[in-house]
N, C-alpha and C. Protein backbone atom coordinates (compact mmCIF):
# COMPACT_ATOMS: atom_id res chain seq x y z
N UNK A 1 -18.24 -3.99 12.36
CA UNK A 1 -16.83 -3.66 12.28
C UNK A 1 -16.56 -2.49 11.34
N UNK A 2 -17.46 -2.22 10.42
CA UNK A 2 -17.24 -1.16 9.43
C UNK A 2 -17.39 0.22 10.09
N UNK A 3 -16.46 1.09 9.75
CA UNK A 3 -16.51 2.46 10.27
C UNK A 3 -16.71 3.46 9.14
N UNK A 4 -17.28 3.02 8.02
CA UNK A 4 -17.59 3.94 6.94
C UNK A 4 -16.42 4.31 6.06
N UNK A 5 -15.44 3.43 5.90
CA UNK A 5 -14.34 3.72 4.99
C UNK A 5 -13.26 4.62 5.55
N UNK A 6 -12.93 4.44 6.81
CA UNK A 6 -11.89 5.28 7.42
C UNK A 6 -10.59 4.54 7.69
N UNK A 7 -10.59 3.24 7.68
CA UNK A 7 -9.39 2.49 8.03
C UNK A 7 -8.82 1.71 6.88
N UNK A 8 -9.20 0.43 6.80
CA UNK A 8 -8.62 -0.46 5.80
C UNK A 8 -8.88 -0.02 4.37
N UNK A 9 -10.07 0.48 4.10
CA UNK A 9 -10.36 0.91 2.73
C UNK A 9 -9.48 2.08 2.31
N UNK A 10 -9.19 2.98 3.23
CA UNK A 10 -8.31 4.11 2.93
C UNK A 10 -6.88 3.61 2.73
N UNK A 11 -6.45 2.64 3.53
CA UNK A 11 -5.11 2.08 3.37
C UNK A 11 -4.98 1.44 1.98
N UNK A 12 -5.99 0.69 1.56
CA UNK A 12 -5.96 0.07 0.24
C UNK A 12 -5.91 1.14 -0.86
N UNK A 13 -6.73 2.16 -0.73
CA UNK A 13 -6.72 3.24 -1.72
C UNK A 13 -5.35 3.93 -1.76
N UNK A 14 -4.73 4.11 -0.61
CA UNK A 14 -3.40 4.71 -0.55
C UNK A 14 -2.37 3.82 -1.23
N UNK A 15 -2.47 2.52 -1.02
CA UNK A 15 -1.54 1.59 -1.68
C UNK A 15 -1.66 1.70 -3.19
N UNK A 16 -2.89 1.78 -3.68
CA UNK A 16 -3.09 1.93 -5.12
C UNK A 16 -2.51 3.26 -5.62
N UNK A 17 -2.69 4.33 -4.86
CA UNK A 17 -2.15 5.64 -5.25
C UNK A 17 -0.63 5.64 -5.22
N UNK A 18 -0.04 4.99 -4.22
CA UNK A 18 1.42 4.91 -4.15
C UNK A 18 1.96 4.23 -5.40
N UNK A 19 1.32 3.12 -5.80
CA UNK A 19 1.78 2.40 -6.98
C UNK A 19 1.51 3.19 -8.26
N UNK A 20 0.34 3.74 -8.39
CA UNK A 20 -0.05 4.43 -9.64
C UNK A 20 0.73 5.71 -9.87
N UNK A 21 0.93 6.50 -8.80
CA UNK A 21 1.54 7.82 -8.94
C UNK A 21 2.95 7.92 -8.37
N UNK A 22 3.48 6.81 -7.85
CA UNK A 22 4.83 6.77 -7.29
C UNK A 22 5.03 7.82 -6.20
N UNK A 23 4.11 7.82 -5.24
CA UNK A 23 4.14 8.77 -4.13
C UNK A 23 4.71 8.12 -2.88
N UNK A 24 5.40 8.88 -2.04
CA UNK A 24 5.81 8.34 -0.75
C UNK A 24 4.61 8.25 0.19
N UNK A 25 4.57 7.20 0.99
CA UNK A 25 3.45 6.98 1.88
C UNK A 25 3.24 8.08 2.90
N UNK A 26 4.33 8.67 3.41
CA UNK A 26 4.15 9.71 4.43
C UNK A 26 3.52 10.97 3.84
N UNK A 27 3.85 11.31 2.60
CA UNK A 27 3.22 12.48 1.96
C UNK A 27 1.74 12.20 1.69
N UNK A 28 1.46 11.00 1.24
CA UNK A 28 0.08 10.62 0.97
C UNK A 28 -0.75 10.60 2.26
N UNK A 29 -0.14 10.17 3.33
CA UNK A 29 -0.82 10.13 4.63
C UNK A 29 -1.30 11.53 5.03
N UNK A 30 -0.45 12.52 4.85
CA UNK A 30 -0.83 13.91 5.16
C UNK A 30 -1.99 14.39 4.30
N UNK A 31 -1.93 14.09 3.01
CA UNK A 31 -2.99 14.50 2.10
C UNK A 31 -4.31 13.84 2.46
N UNK A 32 -4.27 12.54 2.75
CA UNK A 32 -5.49 11.81 3.09
C UNK A 32 -6.15 12.39 4.33
N UNK A 33 -5.35 12.78 5.29
CA UNK A 33 -5.92 13.34 6.52
C UNK A 33 -6.58 14.69 6.29
N UNK A 34 -6.14 15.41 5.27
CA UNK A 34 -6.78 16.68 4.93
C UNK A 34 -8.10 16.44 4.22
N UNK A 35 -8.10 15.53 3.24
CA UNK A 35 -9.31 15.33 2.44
C UNK A 35 -10.30 14.35 3.06
N UNK A 36 -9.84 13.53 4.00
CA UNK A 36 -10.71 12.54 4.67
C UNK A 36 -10.39 12.55 6.16
N UNK A 37 -10.81 13.59 6.89
CA UNK A 37 -10.51 13.66 8.31
C UNK A 37 -10.99 12.41 9.06
N UNK A 38 -10.12 11.90 9.90
CA UNK A 38 -10.44 10.69 10.66
C UNK A 38 -9.94 9.42 10.00
N UNK A 39 -9.44 9.56 8.76
CA UNK A 39 -8.94 8.38 8.05
C UNK A 39 -7.64 7.89 8.69
N UNK A 40 -7.34 6.64 8.46
CA UNK A 40 -6.16 5.97 9.03
C UNK A 40 -6.28 6.05 10.54
N UNK A 41 -6.97 5.05 11.11
CA UNK A 41 -7.33 5.16 12.52
C UNK A 41 -6.57 4.24 13.47
N UNK A 42 -5.46 3.64 13.03
CA UNK A 42 -4.63 2.90 13.98
C UNK A 42 -3.17 3.25 13.73
N UNK A 43 -2.35 3.17 14.76
CA UNK A 43 -0.91 3.42 14.57
C UNK A 43 -0.28 2.45 13.57
N UNK A 44 -0.78 1.22 13.52
CA UNK A 44 -0.24 0.22 12.59
C UNK A 44 -0.49 0.64 11.15
N UNK A 45 -1.68 1.16 10.86
CA UNK A 45 -1.98 1.62 9.51
C UNK A 45 -1.07 2.78 9.13
N UNK A 46 -0.86 3.69 10.05
CA UNK A 46 0.00 4.85 9.80
C UNK A 46 1.44 4.40 9.52
N UNK A 47 1.97 3.53 10.36
CA UNK A 47 3.34 3.04 10.16
C UNK A 47 3.48 2.26 8.87
N UNK A 48 2.46 1.48 8.53
CA UNK A 48 2.47 0.72 7.29
C UNK A 48 2.62 1.65 6.10
N UNK A 49 1.82 2.68 6.02
CA UNK A 49 1.91 3.61 4.90
C UNK A 49 3.22 4.37 4.90
N UNK A 50 3.70 4.77 6.07
CA UNK A 50 4.95 5.51 6.14
C UNK A 50 6.15 4.67 5.74
N UNK A 51 6.00 3.36 5.72
CA UNK A 51 7.12 2.49 5.37
C UNK A 51 7.41 2.47 3.87
N UNK A 52 6.52 3.02 3.05
CA UNK A 52 6.71 3.01 1.60
C UNK A 52 7.24 4.34 1.11
N UNK A 53 8.40 4.29 0.44
CA UNK A 53 8.98 5.51 -0.14
C UNK A 53 8.46 5.78 -1.54
N UNK A 54 7.77 4.78 -2.10
CA UNK A 54 7.24 4.94 -3.44
C UNK A 54 6.85 3.61 -4.05
N UNK A 55 6.68 3.61 -5.36
CA UNK A 55 6.22 2.44 -6.11
C UNK A 55 7.11 1.22 -5.90
N UNK A 56 8.42 1.40 -5.92
CA UNK A 56 9.33 0.26 -5.80
C UNK A 56 9.13 -0.47 -4.47
N UNK A 57 8.99 0.28 -3.39
CA UNK A 57 8.76 -0.34 -2.08
C UNK A 57 7.43 -1.09 -2.05
N UNK A 58 6.40 -0.48 -2.63
CA UNK A 58 5.07 -1.11 -2.64
C UNK A 58 5.12 -2.41 -3.43
N UNK A 59 5.74 -2.37 -4.58
CA UNK A 59 5.80 -3.58 -5.41
C UNK A 59 6.65 -4.67 -4.76
N UNK A 60 7.71 -4.28 -4.11
CA UNK A 60 8.54 -5.26 -3.40
C UNK A 60 7.72 -5.93 -2.30
N UNK A 61 6.98 -5.14 -1.53
CA UNK A 61 6.14 -5.68 -0.47
C UNK A 61 5.11 -6.66 -1.02
N UNK A 62 4.55 -6.34 -2.19
CA UNK A 62 3.52 -7.17 -2.81
C UNK A 62 4.09 -8.38 -3.53
N UNK A 63 5.41 -8.49 -3.60
CA UNK A 63 6.03 -9.62 -4.30
C UNK A 63 6.02 -9.46 -5.81
N UNK A 64 6.02 -8.21 -6.28
CA UNK A 64 6.00 -7.93 -7.70
C UNK A 64 7.35 -7.39 -8.15
N UNK A 65 7.66 -7.54 -9.44
CA UNK A 65 8.88 -6.96 -9.96
C UNK A 65 8.62 -5.50 -10.32
N UNK A 66 9.61 -4.84 -10.91
CA UNK A 66 9.48 -3.41 -11.20
C UNK A 66 8.42 -3.11 -12.26
N UNK A 67 8.00 -4.14 -13.01
CA UNK A 67 6.95 -3.95 -14.02
C UNK A 67 5.57 -4.28 -13.48
N UNK A 68 5.48 -4.65 -12.21
CA UNK A 68 4.19 -4.99 -11.62
C UNK A 68 3.78 -6.43 -11.85
N UNK A 69 4.70 -7.25 -12.30
CA UNK A 69 4.44 -8.67 -12.53
C UNK A 69 4.90 -9.47 -11.32
N UNK A 70 4.33 -10.67 -11.14
CA UNK A 70 4.74 -11.52 -10.03
C UNK A 70 6.22 -11.85 -10.20
N UNK A 71 6.98 -11.59 -9.16
CA UNK A 71 8.42 -11.82 -9.19
C UNK A 71 8.73 -13.29 -9.40
N UNK A 72 9.69 -13.62 -10.29
CA UNK A 72 10.05 -15.03 -10.51
C UNK A 72 10.49 -15.73 -9.23
N UNK A 73 11.05 -15.00 -8.28
CA UNK A 73 11.48 -15.62 -7.03
C UNK A 73 10.29 -16.10 -6.19
N UNK A 74 9.08 -15.63 -6.52
CA UNK A 74 7.87 -16.04 -5.79
C UNK A 74 7.19 -17.23 -6.45
N UNK A 75 7.77 -17.72 -7.58
CA UNK A 75 7.15 -18.81 -8.31
C UNK A 75 7.98 -20.08 -8.23
N UNK A 76 7.29 -21.19 -8.30
CA UNK A 76 7.92 -22.51 -8.34
C UNK A 76 7.19 -23.32 -9.40
N UNK A 77 7.66 -24.53 -9.71
CA UNK A 77 6.94 -25.33 -10.71
C UNK A 77 5.46 -25.58 -10.37
N UNK A 78 5.12 -25.54 -9.08
CA UNK A 78 3.74 -25.78 -8.70
C UNK A 78 2.86 -24.53 -8.75
N UNK A 79 3.46 -23.36 -9.01
CA UNK A 79 2.68 -22.14 -9.11
C UNK A 79 3.32 -20.99 -8.36
N UNK A 80 2.63 -19.88 -8.34
CA UNK A 80 3.14 -18.68 -7.69
C UNK A 80 2.38 -18.43 -6.39
N UNK A 81 3.09 -17.87 -5.43
CA UNK A 81 2.42 -17.50 -4.19
C UNK A 81 2.90 -16.13 -3.74
N UNK A 82 1.97 -15.27 -3.50
CA UNK A 82 2.27 -13.94 -2.97
C UNK A 82 1.58 -13.84 -1.63
N UNK A 83 2.32 -13.45 -0.63
CA UNK A 83 1.76 -13.39 0.71
C UNK A 83 1.21 -12.02 1.00
């Protein structure tokens, strides 16, 4: 199933870059295609990255607050769950 780091691994790296540098996903997508030709190899991966305008969107998707901590709304007395 591995294609040498062109799909899921690039998406994960992009997610980390979006959070770390507060970049929009569509701008990062263009850069990744220049430096890693063939990266992001499904329409779903492309749409996923384009859905993030920056760090706030990424953290919201991950169930984190603006400080990168697990959002209190995701926790209950039995523990926290992030989907």
